[in-house]
C-alpha atoms as a PDB file:
ATOM      1  CA  UNK A   1     212.719 115.210-158.152  1.00  0.00           C
ATOM      2  CA  UNK A   2     214.508 114.541-154.939  1.00  0.00           C
ATOM      3  CA  UNK A   3     217.467 113.610-157.678  1.00  0.00           C
ATOM      4  CA  UNK A   4     217.121 117.096-159.026  1.00  0.00           C
ATOM      5  CA  UNK A   5     216.631 119.350-156.501  1.00  0.00           C
ATOM      6  CA  UNK A   6     219.952 117.693-154.514  1.00  0.00           C
ATOM      7  CA  UNK A   7     221.744 118.298-157.811  1.00  0.00           C
ATOM      8  CA  UNK A   8     220.911 121.941-157.922  1.00  0.00           C
ATOM      9  CA  UNK A   9     222.226 122.251-154.808  1.00  0.00           C
ATOM     10  CA  UNK A  10     225.448 120.175-154.884  1.00  0.00           C
ATOM     11  CA  UNK A  11     225.903 122.940-158.030  1.00  0.00           C
ATOM     12  CA  UNK A  12     224.980 125.898-155.690  1.00  0.00           C
ATOM     13  CA  UNK A  13     227.872 124.700-153.670  1.00  0.00           C
ATOM     14  CA  UNK A  14     230.195 123.915-156.538  1.00  0.00           C
ATOM     15  CA  UNK A  15     229.705 127.728-158.034  1.00  0.00           C
ATOM     16  CA  UNK A  16     230.496 129.324-154.565  1.00  0.00           C
ATOM     17  CA  UNK A  17     233.532 127.325-153.757  1.00  0.00           C
ATOM     18  CA  UNK A  18     235.225 127.987-157.433  1.00  0.00           C
ATOM     19  CA  UNK A  19     233.920 131.332-156.566  1.00  0.00           C
ATOM     20  CA  UNK A  20     235.782 131.766-153.422  1.00  0.00           C
ATOM     21  CA  UNK A  21     239.459 131.891-154.590  1.00  0.00           C
ATOM     22  CA  UNK A  22     241.185 133.418-152.036  1.00  0.00           C
ATOM     23  CA  UNK A  23     242.091 131.843-148.708  1.00  0.00           C
ATOM     24  CA  UNK A  24     239.361 131.974-145.788  1.00  0.00           C
ATOM     25  CA  UNK A  25     239.338 131.475-142.277  1.00  0.00           C
ATOM     26  CA  UNK A  26     238.460 128.715-140.272  1.00  0.00           C
ATOM     27  CA  UNK A  27     234.422 128.574-139.119  1.00  0.00           C
ATOM     28  CA  UNK A  28     234.245 130.313-136.582  1.00  0.00           C
ATOM     29  CA  UNK A  29     231.316 129.219-133.590  1.00  0.00           C
ATOM     30  CA  UNK A  30     229.311 131.844-134.223  1.00  0.00           C
ATOM     31  CA  UNK A  31     229.135 130.555-137.999  1.00  0.00           C
ATOM     32  CA  UNK A  32     228.162 127.307-137.156  1.00  0.00           C
ATOM     33  CA  UNK A  33     225.146 128.882-135.682  1.00  0.00           C
ATOM     34  CA  UNK A  34     224.219 131.056-138.647  1.00  0.00           C
ATOM     35  CA  UNK A  35     224.484 127.702-140.696  1.00  0.00           C
ATOM     36  CA  UNK A  36     221.895 125.870-138.574  1.00  0.00           C
ATOM     37  CA  UNK A  37     219.289 128.883-138.758  1.00  0.00           C
ATOM     38  CA  UNK A  38     219.212 129.819-141.708  1.00  0.00           C
ATOM     39  CA  UNK A  39     216.027 128.548-143.604  1.00  0.00           C
ATOM     40  CA  UNK A  40     215.670 126.679-146.366  1.00  0.00           C
ATOM     41  CA  UNK A  41     213.705 129.564-147.762  1.00  0.00           C
ATOM     42  CA  UNK A  42     216.249 132.184-147.151  1.00  0.00           C
ATOM     43  CA  UNK A  43     218.918 129.316-148.613  1.00  0.00           C
ATOM     44  CA  UNK A  44     217.608 128.938-151.976  1.00  0.00           C
ATOM     45  CA  UNK A  45     216.889 133.055-152.349  1.00  0.00           C
ATOM     46  CA  UNK A  46     220.905 132.788-151.502  1.00  0.00           C
ATOM     47  CA  UNK A  47     221.802 130.181-153.845  1.00  0.00           C
ATOM     48  CA  UNK A  48     220.246 132.064-156.631  1.00  0.00           C
ATOM     49  CA  UNK A  49     221.518 135.151-156.128  1.00  0.00           C
ATOM     50  CA  UNK A  50     224.720 133.235-155.650  1.00  0.00           C
ATOM     51  CA  UNK A  51     224.002 131.435-159.027  1.00  0.00           C
ATOM     52  CA  UNK A  52     223.551 135.285-161.327  1.00  0.00           C
ATOM     53  CA  UNK A  53     226.488 136.693-159.887  1.00  0.00           C
ATOM     54  CA  UNK A  54     229.207 133.646-158.639  1.00  0.00           C
ATOM     55  CA  UNK A  55     231.944 136.282-158.744  1.00  0.00           C
ATOM     56  CA  UNK A  56     230.272 137.673-155.441  1.00  0.00           C
ATOM     57  CA  UNK A  57     229.769 134.814-153.503  1.00  0.00           C
ATOM     58  CA  UNK A  58     232.203 135.336-151.344  1.00  0.00           C
ATOM     59  CA  UNK A  59     230.697 138.554-150.258  1.00  0.00           C
ATOM     60  CA  UNK A  60     227.169 137.103-150.304  1.00  0.00           C
ATOM     61  CA  UNK A  61     227.930 134.649-148.209  1.00  0.00           C
ATOM     62  CA  UNK A  62     229.443 137.160-146.284  1.00  0.00           C
ATOM     63  CA  UNK A  63     226.404 139.372-146.069  1.00  0.00           C
ATOM     64  CA  UNK A  64     224.745 136.239-144.349  1.00  0.00           C
ATOM     65  CA  UNK A  65     227.454 135.207-141.871  1.00  0.00           C
ATOM     66  CA  UNK A  66     227.994 132.464-144.348  1.00  0.00           C
ATOM     67  CA  UNK A  67     231.627 131.304-145.694  1.00  0.00           C
ATOM     68  CA  UNK A  68     231.745 128.468-148.233  1.00  0.00           C
ATOM     69  CA  UNK A  69     231.953 125.909-146.114  1.00  0.00           C
ATOM     70  CA  UNK A  70     229.043 126.839-143.499  1.00  0.00           C
ATOM     71  CA  UNK A  71     227.415 127.449-146.319  1.00  0.00           C
ATOM     72  CA  UNK A  72     227.766 123.607-147.856  1.00  0.00           C
ATOM     73  CA  UNK A  73     226.963 122.519-144.269  1.00  0.00           C
ATOM     74  CA  UNK A  74     223.416 123.819-144.605  1.00  0.00           C
ATOM     75  CA  UNK A  75     223.134 122.782-148.306  1.00  0.00           C
ATOM     76  CA  UNK A  76     223.712 119.323-146.586  1.00  0.00           C
ATOM     77  CA  UNK A  77     221.008 119.437-144.429  1.00  0.00           C
ATOM     78  CA  UNK A  78     218.704 120.423-146.284  1.00  0.00           C
ATOM     79  CA  UNK A  79     219.150 117.906-148.513  1.00  0.00           C
ATOM     80  CA  UNK A  80     218.154 115.667-145.565  1.00  0.00           C
ATOM     81  CA  UNK A  81     214.690 116.521-145.106  1.00  0.00           C
ATOM     82  CA  UNK A  82     212.603 116.566-148.325  1.00  0.00           C
ATOM     83  CA  UNK A  83     210.081 119.662-146.821  1.00  0.00           C
ATOM     84  CA  UNK A  84     212.823 121.634-146.271  1.00  0.00           C
ATOM     85  CA  UNK A  85     214.298 120.828-150.129  1.00  0.00           C
ATOM     86  CA  UNK A  86     211.364 121.409-151.202  1.00  0.00           C
ATOM     87  CA  UNK A  87     210.753 124.751-150.175  1.00  0.00           C
ATOM     88  CA  UNK A  88     215.090 125.745-150.701  1.00  0.00           C
ATOM     89  CA  UNK A  89     213.832 124.410-154.123  1.00  0.00           C
ATOM     90  CA  UNK A  90     210.384 126.823-154.047  1.00  0.00           C
ATOM     91  CA  UNK A  91     212.644 129.847-153.212  1.00  0.00           C
ATOM     92  CA  UNK A  92     215.292 128.959-155.849  1.00  0.00           C
ATOM     93  CA  UNK A  93     212.624 129.066-158.324  1.00  0.00           C
ATOM     94  CA  UNK A  94     210.736 132.035-157.023  1.00  0.00           C
ATOM     95  CA  UNK A  95     214.219 134.645-157.483  1.00  0.00           C
ATOM     96  CA  UNK A  96     214.939 132.686-160.663  1.00  0.00           C
ATOM     97  CA  UNK A  97     212.413 132.595-162.010  1.00  0.00           C
ATOM     98  CA  UNK A  98     212.287 128.422-163.755  1.00  0.00           C
ATOM     99  CA  UNK A  99     212.625 125.491-162.585  1.00  0.00           C
ATOM    100  CA  UNK A 100     214.953 124.124-160.363  1.00  0.00           C
ATOM    101  CA  UNK A 101     215.768 121.090-162.956  1.00  0.00           C
ATOM    102  CA  UNK A 102     218.989 120.520-163.911  1.00  0.00           C
END
């Protein structure tokens, strides 16, 4: 189960990078703080929205004040904690309506 959750999170990060074709500026201190402050549920919802429309990844991230790099950082932080990873997966499943197994 943990491997499936981690695979899902890293897949989302990959979709984010593929969806963002333009060169992005370096992450600012404010964006780094937002990456830390985003909840696993918000991250899961955002990941599901990016999966549903990868072409809008950059726009969806910027709505939350995130860049691809800060999003990846947040994914890594969530994946390090089992409870947070489950909360992320539950939110992802709720938005997508499917089980988060990859």
